[in-house]
């Protein structure tokens, strides 16, 4: 259980993480702002579509249940 081979995997793992972390290309402020605005706008549009569909479904169910 307390094998010395396990202890040598630790530093290799963190060295690999460090090497991979250096490969990351972080977005600049302008790109982040544009993407954030796009996410908020699309979320609002999808929310509006869902609200309209919900209203139509509610009206349709109420209409069908009121038929005698």
PDB file of N, CA and C in Angstrom:
ATOM      1  N   UNK A   1       0.810  -1.197   0.000  1.00  0.00           N
ATOM      2  CA  UNK A   1       0.000   0.000   0.000  1.00  0.00           C
ATOM      3  C   UNK A   1       0.851   1.259   0.000  1.00  0.00           C
ATOM      4  N   UNK A   2       1.836   1.330   0.867  1.00  0.00           N
ATOM      5  CA  UNK A   2       2.696   2.496   0.938  1.00  0.00           C
ATOM      6  C   UNK A   2       3.879   2.357   0.000  1.00  0.00           C
ATOM      7  N   UNK A   3       3.604   1.968  -1.236  1.00  0.00           N
ATOM      8  CA  UNK A   3       4.665   1.714  -2.205  1.00  0.00           C
ATOM      9  C   UNK A   3       5.300   3.029  -2.643  1.00  0.00           C
ATOM     10  N   UNK A   4       6.608   3.013  -2.866  1.00  0.00           N
ATOM     11  CA  UNK A   4       7.306   4.227  -3.285  1.00  0.00           C
ATOM     12  C   UNK A   4       6.949   4.611  -4.721  1.00  0.00           C
ATOM     13  N   UNK A   5       6.413   3.678  -5.504  1.00  0.00           N
ATOM     14  CA  UNK A   5       6.010   4.002  -6.873  1.00  0.00           C
ATOM     15  C   UNK A   5       4.833   4.968  -6.871  1.00  0.00           C
ATOM     16  N   UNK A   6       3.951   4.874  -5.870  1.00  0.00           N
ATOM     17  CA  UNK A   6       2.824   5.788  -5.770  1.00  0.00           C
ATOM     18  C   UNK A   6       3.283   7.210  -5.507  1.00  0.00           C
ATOM     19  N   UNK A   7       4.324   7.373  -4.733  1.00  0.00           N
ATOM     20  CA  UNK A   7       4.814   8.704  -4.396  1.00  0.00           C
ATOM     21  C   UNK A   7       5.432   9.399  -5.612  1.00  0.00           C
ATOM     22  N   UNK A   8       5.980   8.647  -6.530  1.00  0.00           N
ATOM     23  CA  UNK A   8       6.622   9.246  -7.688  1.00  0.00           C
ATOM     24  C   UNK A   8       5.605   9.653  -8.752  1.00  0.00           C
ATOM     25  N   UNK A   9       4.383   9.160  -8.675  1.00  0.00           N
ATOM     26  CA  UNK A   9       3.356   9.566  -9.637  1.00  0.00           C
ATOM     27  C   UNK A   9       2.887  10.986  -9.357  1.00  0.00           C
ATOM     28  N   UNK A  10       2.905  11.422  -8.107  1.00  0.00           N
ATOM     29  CA  UNK A  10       2.420  12.741  -7.707  1.00  0.00           C
ATOM     30  C   UNK A  10       3.117  13.878  -8.430  1.00  0.00           C
ATOM     31  N   UNK A  11       4.432  13.995  -8.321  1.00  0.00           N
ATOM     32  CA  UNK A  11       5.108  15.107  -9.002  1.00  0.00           C
ATOM     33  C   UNK A  11       4.943  15.070 -10.521  1.00  0.00           C
ATOM     34  N   UNK A  12       4.894  13.878 -11.094  1.00  0.00           N
ATOM     35  CA  UNK A  12       4.689  13.779 -12.540  1.00  0.00           C
ATOM     36  C   UNK A  12       3.318  14.282 -12.951  1.00  0.00           C
ATOM     37  N   UNK A  13       2.337  13.996 -12.123  1.00  0.00           N
ATOM     38  CA  UNK A  13       0.975  14.450 -12.398  1.00  0.00           C
ATOM     39  C   UNK A  13       0.908  15.970 -12.390  1.00  0.00           C
ATOM     40  N   UNK A  14       1.462  16.583 -11.345  1.00  0.00           N
ATOM     41  CA  UNK A  14       1.399  18.035 -11.238  1.00  0.00           C
ATOM     42  C   UNK A  14       2.238  18.724 -12.307  1.00  0.00           C
ATOM     43  N   UNK A  15       3.319  18.102 -12.719  1.00  0.00           N
ATOM     44  CA  UNK A  15       4.122  18.668 -13.814  1.00  0.00           C
ATOM     45  C   UNK A  15       3.309  18.633 -15.105  1.00  0.00           C
ATOM     46  N   UNK A  16       2.560  17.550 -15.306  1.00  0.00           N
ATOM     47  CA  UNK A  16       1.702  17.452 -16.494  1.00  0.00           C
ATOM     48  C   UNK A  16       0.585  18.474 -16.465  1.00  0.00           C
ATOM     49  N   UNK A  17       0.000  18.685 -15.295  1.00  0.00           N
ATOM     50  CA  UNK A  17      -1.057  19.689 -15.156  1.00  0.00           C
ATOM     51  C   UNK A  17      -0.503  21.069 -15.466  1.00  0.00           C
ATOM     52  N   UNK A  18       0.685  21.358 -14.953  1.00  0.00           N
ATOM     53  CA  UNK A  18       1.308  22.658 -15.200  1.00  0.00           C
ATOM     54  C   UNK A  18       1.590  22.861 -16.688  1.00  0.00           C
ATOM     55  N   UNK A  19       2.064  21.809 -17.347  1.00  0.00           N
ATOM     56  CA  UNK A  19       2.357  21.903 -18.778  1.00  0.00           C
ATOM     57  C   UNK A  19       1.079  22.130 -19.580  1.00  0.00           C
ATOM     58  N   UNK A  20       0.016  21.431 -19.223  1.00  0.00           N
ATOM     59  CA  UNK A  20      -1.257  21.609 -19.935  1.00  0.00           C
ATOM     60  C   UNK A  20      -1.855  22.978 -19.653  1.00  0.00           C
ATOM     61  N   UNK A  21      -1.690  23.464 -18.444  1.00  0.00           N
ATOM     62  CA  UNK A  21      -2.234  24.769 -18.070  1.00  0.00           C
ATOM     63  C   UNK A  21      -1.579  25.882 -18.885  1.00  0.00           C
ATOM     64  N   UNK A  22      -0.319  25.713 -19.226  1.00  0.00           N
ATOM     65  CA  UNK A  22       0.384  26.717 -20.032  1.00  0.00           C
ATOM     66  C   UNK A  22      -0.120  26.743 -21.476  1.00  0.00           C
ATOM     67  N   UNK A  23      -0.761  25.676 -21.940  1.00  0.00           N
ATOM     68  CA  UNK A  23      -1.269  25.608 -23.306  1.00  0.00           C
ATOM     69  C   UNK A  23      -2.608  26.322 -23.477  1.00  0.00           C
ATOM     70  N   UNK A  24      -3.237  26.671 -22.371  1.00  0.00           N
ATOM     71  CA  UNK A  24      -4.547  27.310 -22.431  1.00  0.00           C
ATOM     72  C   UNK A  24      -4.405  28.703 -23.011  1.00  0.00           C
ATOM     73  N   UNK A  25      -5.283  29.023 -23.948  1.00  0.00           N
ATOM     74  CA  UNK A  25      -5.333  30.374 -24.518  1.00  0.00           C
ATOM     75  C   UNK A  25      -6.541  31.068 -23.891  1.00  0.00           C
ATOM     76  N   UNK A  26      -6.279  31.991 -22.989  1.00  0.00           N
ATOM     77  CA  UNK A  26      -7.351  32.665 -22.287  1.00  0.00           C
ATOM     78  C   UNK A  26      -7.931  33.764 -23.171  1.00  0.00           C
ATOM     79  N   UNK A  27      -9.258  33.917 -23.185  1.00  0.00           N
ATOM     80  CA  UNK A  27      -9.863  34.975 -24.007  1.00  0.00           C
ATOM     81  C   UNK A  27      -9.581  36.353 -23.415  1.00  0.00           C
ATOM     82  N   UNK A  28      -9.528  37.341 -24.298  1.00  0.00           N
ATOM     83  CA  UNK A  28      -9.297  38.705 -23.813  1.00  0.00           C
ATOM     84  C   UNK A  28     -10.611  39.310 -23.315  1.00  0.00           C
ATOM     85  N   UNK A  29     -10.534  40.481 -22.757  1.00  0.00           N
ATOM     86  CA  UNK A  29     -11.702  41.123 -22.139  1.00  0.00           C
ATOM     87  C   UNK A  29     -12.808  41.379 -23.151  1.00  0.00           C
ATOM     88  N   UNK A  30     -12.451  41.840 -24.344  1.00  0.00           N
ATOM     89  CA  UNK A  30     -13.452  42.150 -25.378  1.00  0.00           C
ATOM     90  C   UNK A  30     -14.205  40.892 -25.817  1.00  0.00           C
ATOM     91  N   UNK A  31     -13.483  39.824 -26.018  1.00  0.00           N
ATOM     92  CA  UNK A  31     -14.099  38.570 -26.428  1.00  0.00           C
ATOM     93  C   UNK A  31     -15.034  38.036 -25.343  1.00  0.00           C
ATOM     94  N   UNK A  32     -14.584  38.118 -24.107  1.00  0.00           N
ATOM     95  CA  UNK A  32     -15.409  37.660 -22.988  1.00  0.00           C
ATOM     96  C   UNK A  32     -16.693  38.480 -22.892  1.00  0.00           C
ATOM     97  N   UNK A  33     -16.590  39.785 -23.074  1.00  0.00           N
ATOM     98  CA  UNK A  33     -17.764  40.657 -23.022  1.00  0.00           C
ATOM     99  C   UNK A  33     -18.742  40.325 -24.149  1.00  0.00           C
ATOM    100  N   UNK A  34     -18.244  40.141 -25.359  1.00  0.00           N
ATOM    101  CA  UNK A  34     -19.109  39.813 -26.494  1.00  0.00           C
ATOM    102  C   UNK A  34     -19.831  38.485 -26.277  1.00  0.00           C
ATOM    103  N   UNK A  35     -19.101  37.491 -25.785  1.00  0.00           N
ATOM    104  CA  UNK A  35     -19.705  36.184 -25.551  1.00  0.00           C
ATOM    105  C   UNK A  35     -20.731  36.244 -24.425  1.00  0.00           C
ATOM    106  N   UNK A  36     -20.461  37.037 -23.407  1.00  0.00           N
ATOM    107  CA  UNK A  36     -21.404  37.180 -22.294  1.00  0.00           C
ATOM    108  C   UNK A  36     -22.693  37.858 -22.755  1.00  0.00           C
ATOM    109  N   UNK A  37     -22.562  38.886 -23.574  1.00  0.00           N
ATOM    110  CA  UNK A  37     -23.741  39.567 -24.115  1.00  0.00           C
ATOM    111  C   UNK A  37     -24.540  38.608 -24.994  1.00  0.00           C
ATOM    112  N   UNK A  38     -23.860  37.806 -25.794  1.00  0.00           N
ATOM    113  CA  UNK A  38     -24.552  36.839 -26.648  1.00  0.00           C
ATOM    114  C   UNK A  38     -25.309  35.810 -25.814  1.00  0.00           C
ATOM    115  N   UNK A  39     -24.713  35.337 -24.733  1.00  0.00           N
ATOM    116  CA  UNK A  39     -25.379  34.350 -23.873  1.00  0.00           C
ATOM    117  C   UNK A  39     -26.619  34.955 -23.223  1.00  0.00           C
ATOM    118  N   UNK A  40     -26.511  36.175 -22.731  1.00  0.00           N
ATOM    119  CA  UNK A  40     -27.668  36.821 -22.098  1.00  0.00           C
ATOM    120  C   UNK A  40     -28.774  37.065 -23.127  1.00  0.00           C
ATOM    121  N   UNK A  41     -28.416  37.538 -24.320  1.00  0.00           N
ATOM    122  CA  UNK A  41     -29.418  37.808 -25.353  1.00  0.00           C
ATOM    123  C   UNK A  41     -30.128  36.522 -25.782  1.00  0.00           C
ATOM    124  N   UNK A  42     -29.382  35.473 -26.011  1.00  0.00           N
ATOM    125  CA  UNK A  42     -29.989  34.210 -26.431  1.00  0.00           C
ATOM    126  C   UNK A  42     -30.864  33.649 -25.309  1.00  0.00           C
ATOM    127  N   UNK A  43     -30.426  33.794 -24.069  1.00  0.00           N
ATOM    128  CA  UNK A  43     -31.230  33.321 -22.932  1.00  0.00           C
ATOM    129  C   UNK A  43     -32.556  34.064 -22.859  1.00  0.00           C
ATOM    130  N   UNK A  44     -32.531  35.371 -23.087  1.00  0.00           N
ATOM    131  CA  UNK A  44     -33.770  36.147 -23.077  1.00  0.00           C
ATOM    132  C   UNK A  44     -34.705  35.729 -24.204  1.00  0.00           C
ATOM    133  N   UNK A  45     -34.159  35.513 -25.391  1.00  0.00           N
ATOM    134  CA  UNK A  45     -34.980  35.107 -26.532  1.00  0.00           C
ATOM    135  C   UNK A  45     -35.601  33.731 -26.285  1.00  0.00           C
ATOM    136  N   UNK A  46     -34.809  32.787 -25.807  1.00  0.00           N
ATOM    137  CA  UNK A  46     -35.336  31.446 -25.528  1.00  0.00           C
ATOM    138  C   UNK A  46     -36.377  31.509 -24.414  1.00  0.00           C
ATOM    139  N   UNK A  47     -36.135  32.316 -23.399  1.00  0.00           N
ATOM    140  CA  UNK A  47     -37.114  32.487 -22.326  1.00  0.00           C
ATOM    141  C   UNK A  47     -38.417  33.061 -22.835  1.00  0.00           C
ATOM    142  N   UNK A  48     -38.335  34.025 -23.744  1.00  0.00           N
ATOM    143  CA  UNK A  48     -39.533  34.612 -24.340  1.00  0.00           C
ATOM    144  C   UNK A  48     -40.294  33.573 -25.161  1.00  0.00           C
ATOM    145  N   UNK A  49     -39.586  32.775 -25.923  1.00  0.00           N
ATOM    146  CA  UNK A  49     -40.231  31.725 -26.727  1.00  0.00           C
ATOM    147  C   UNK A  49     -40.937  30.721 -25.817  1.00  0.00           C
ATOM    148  N   UNK A  50     -40.275  30.328 -24.749  1.00  0.00           N
ATOM    149  CA  UNK A  50     -40.889  29.376 -23.814  1.00  0.00           C
ATOM    150  C   UNK A  50     -42.121  29.990 -23.156  1.00  0.00           C
ATOM    151  N   UNK A  51     -42.055  31.269 -22.798  1.00  0.00           N
ATOM    152  CA  UNK A  51     -43.198  31.940 -22.180  1.00  0.00           C
ATOM    153  C   UNK A  51     -44.386  31.987 -23.138  1.00  0.00           C
ATOM    154  N   UNK A  52     -44.137  32.289 -24.405  1.00  0.00           N
ATOM    155  CA  UNK A  52     -45.215  32.332 -25.404  1.00  0.00           C
ATOM    156  C   UNK A  52     -45.815  30.941 -25.594  1.00  0.00           C
ATOM    157  N   UNK A  53     -44.981  29.926 -25.703  1.00  0.00           N
ATOM    158  CA  UNK A  53     -45.490  28.562 -25.853  1.00  0.00           C
ATOM    159  C   UNK A  53     -46.291  28.137 -24.627  1.00  0.00           C
ATOM    160  N   UNK A  54     -45.854  28.527 -23.447  1.00  0.00           N
ATOM    161  CA  UNK A  54     -46.575  28.214 -22.216  1.00  0.00           C
ATOM    162  C   UNK A  54     -47.944  28.890 -22.209  1.00  0.00           C
ATOM    163  N   UNK A  55     -47.988  30.147 -22.623  1.00  0.00           N
ATOM    164  CA  UNK A  55     -49.257  30.874 -22.664  1.00  0.00           C
ATOM    165  C   UNK A  55     -50.216  30.224 -23.665  1.00  0.00           C
ATOM    166  N   UNK A  56     -49.709  29.857 -24.828  1.00  0.00           N
ATOM    167  CA  UNK A  56     -50.544  29.212 -25.850  1.00  0.00           C
ATOM    168  C   UNK A  56     -51.052  27.862 -25.336  1.00  0.00           C
ATOM    169  N   UNK A  57     -50.204  27.091 -24.702  1.00  0.00           N
ATOM    170  CA  UNK A  57     -50.621  25.797 -24.171  1.00  0.00           C
ATOM    171  C   UNK A  57     -51.663  25.978 -23.071  1.00  0.00           C
ATOM    172  N   UNK A  58     -51.465  26.961 -22.208  1.00  0.00           N
ATOM    173  CA  UNK A  58     -52.419  27.224 -21.139  1.00  0.00           C
ATOM    174  C   UNK A  58     -53.771  27.626 -21.724  1.00  0.00           C
ATOM    175  N   UNK A  59     -53.760  28.506 -22.709  1.00  0.00           N
ATOM    176  CA  UNK A  59     -54.999  28.929 -23.361  1.00  0.00           C
ATOM    177  C   UNK A  59     -55.680  27.738 -24.040  1.00  0.00           C
ATOM    178  N   UNK A  60     -54.897  26.894 -24.682  1.00  0.00           N
ATOM    179  CA  UNK A  60     -55.465  25.728 -25.359  1.00  0.00           C
ATOM    180  C   UNK A  60     -56.079  24.743 -24.382  1.00  0.00           C
ATOM    181  N   UNK A  61     -55.432  24.483 -23.278  1.00  0.00           N
ATOM    182  CA  UNK A  61     -55.972  23.564 -22.274  1.00  0.00           C
ATOM    183  C   UNK A  61     -57.246  24.144 -21.664  1.00  0.00           C
ATOM    184  N   UNK A  62     -57.218  25.439 -21.342  1.00  0.00           N
ATOM    185  CA  UNK A  62     -58.413  26.066 -20.784  1.00  0.00           C
ATOM    186  C   UNK A  62     -59.578  26.018 -21.772  1.00  0.00           C
ATOM    187  N   UNK A  63     -59.283  26.226 -23.049  1.00  0.00           N
ATOM    188  CA  UNK A  63     -60.324  26.160 -24.071  1.00  0.00           C
ATOM    189  C   UNK A  63     -60.910  24.759 -24.179  1.00  0.00           C
ATOM    190  N   UNK A  64     -60.036  23.753 -24.182  1.00  0.00           N
ATOM    191  CA  UNK A  64     -60.512  22.366 -24.306  1.00  0.00           C
ATOM    192  C   UNK A  64     -61.291  21.903 -23.074  1.00  0.00           C
ATOM    193  N   UNK A  65     -60.897  22.356 -21.896  1.00  0.00           N
ATOM    194  CA  UNK A  65     -61.611  21.935 -20.689  1.00  0.00           C
ATOM    195  C   UNK A  65     -62.917  22.683 -20.491  1.00  0.00           C
ATOM    196  N   UNK A  66     -63.097  23.807 -21.168  1.00  0.00           N
ATOM    197  CA  UNK A  66     -64.337  24.568 -21.024  1.00  0.00           C
ATOM    198  C   UNK A  66     -65.423  24.116 -22.001  1.00  0.00           C
ATOM    199  N   UNK A  67     -65.086  23.258 -22.954  1.00  0.00           N
ATOM    200  CA  UNK A  67     -66.060  22.757 -23.934  1.00  0.00           C
ATOM    201  C   UNK A  67     -67.000  21.780 -23.218  1.00  0.00           C
ATOM    202  N   UNK A  68     -68.328  21.975 -23.419  1.00  0.00           N
ATOM    203  CA  UNK A  68     -69.300  21.067 -22.793  1.00  0.00           C
ATOM    204  C   UNK A  68     -70.025  20.260 -23.806  1.00  0.00           C
TER     205      UNK A  68
END
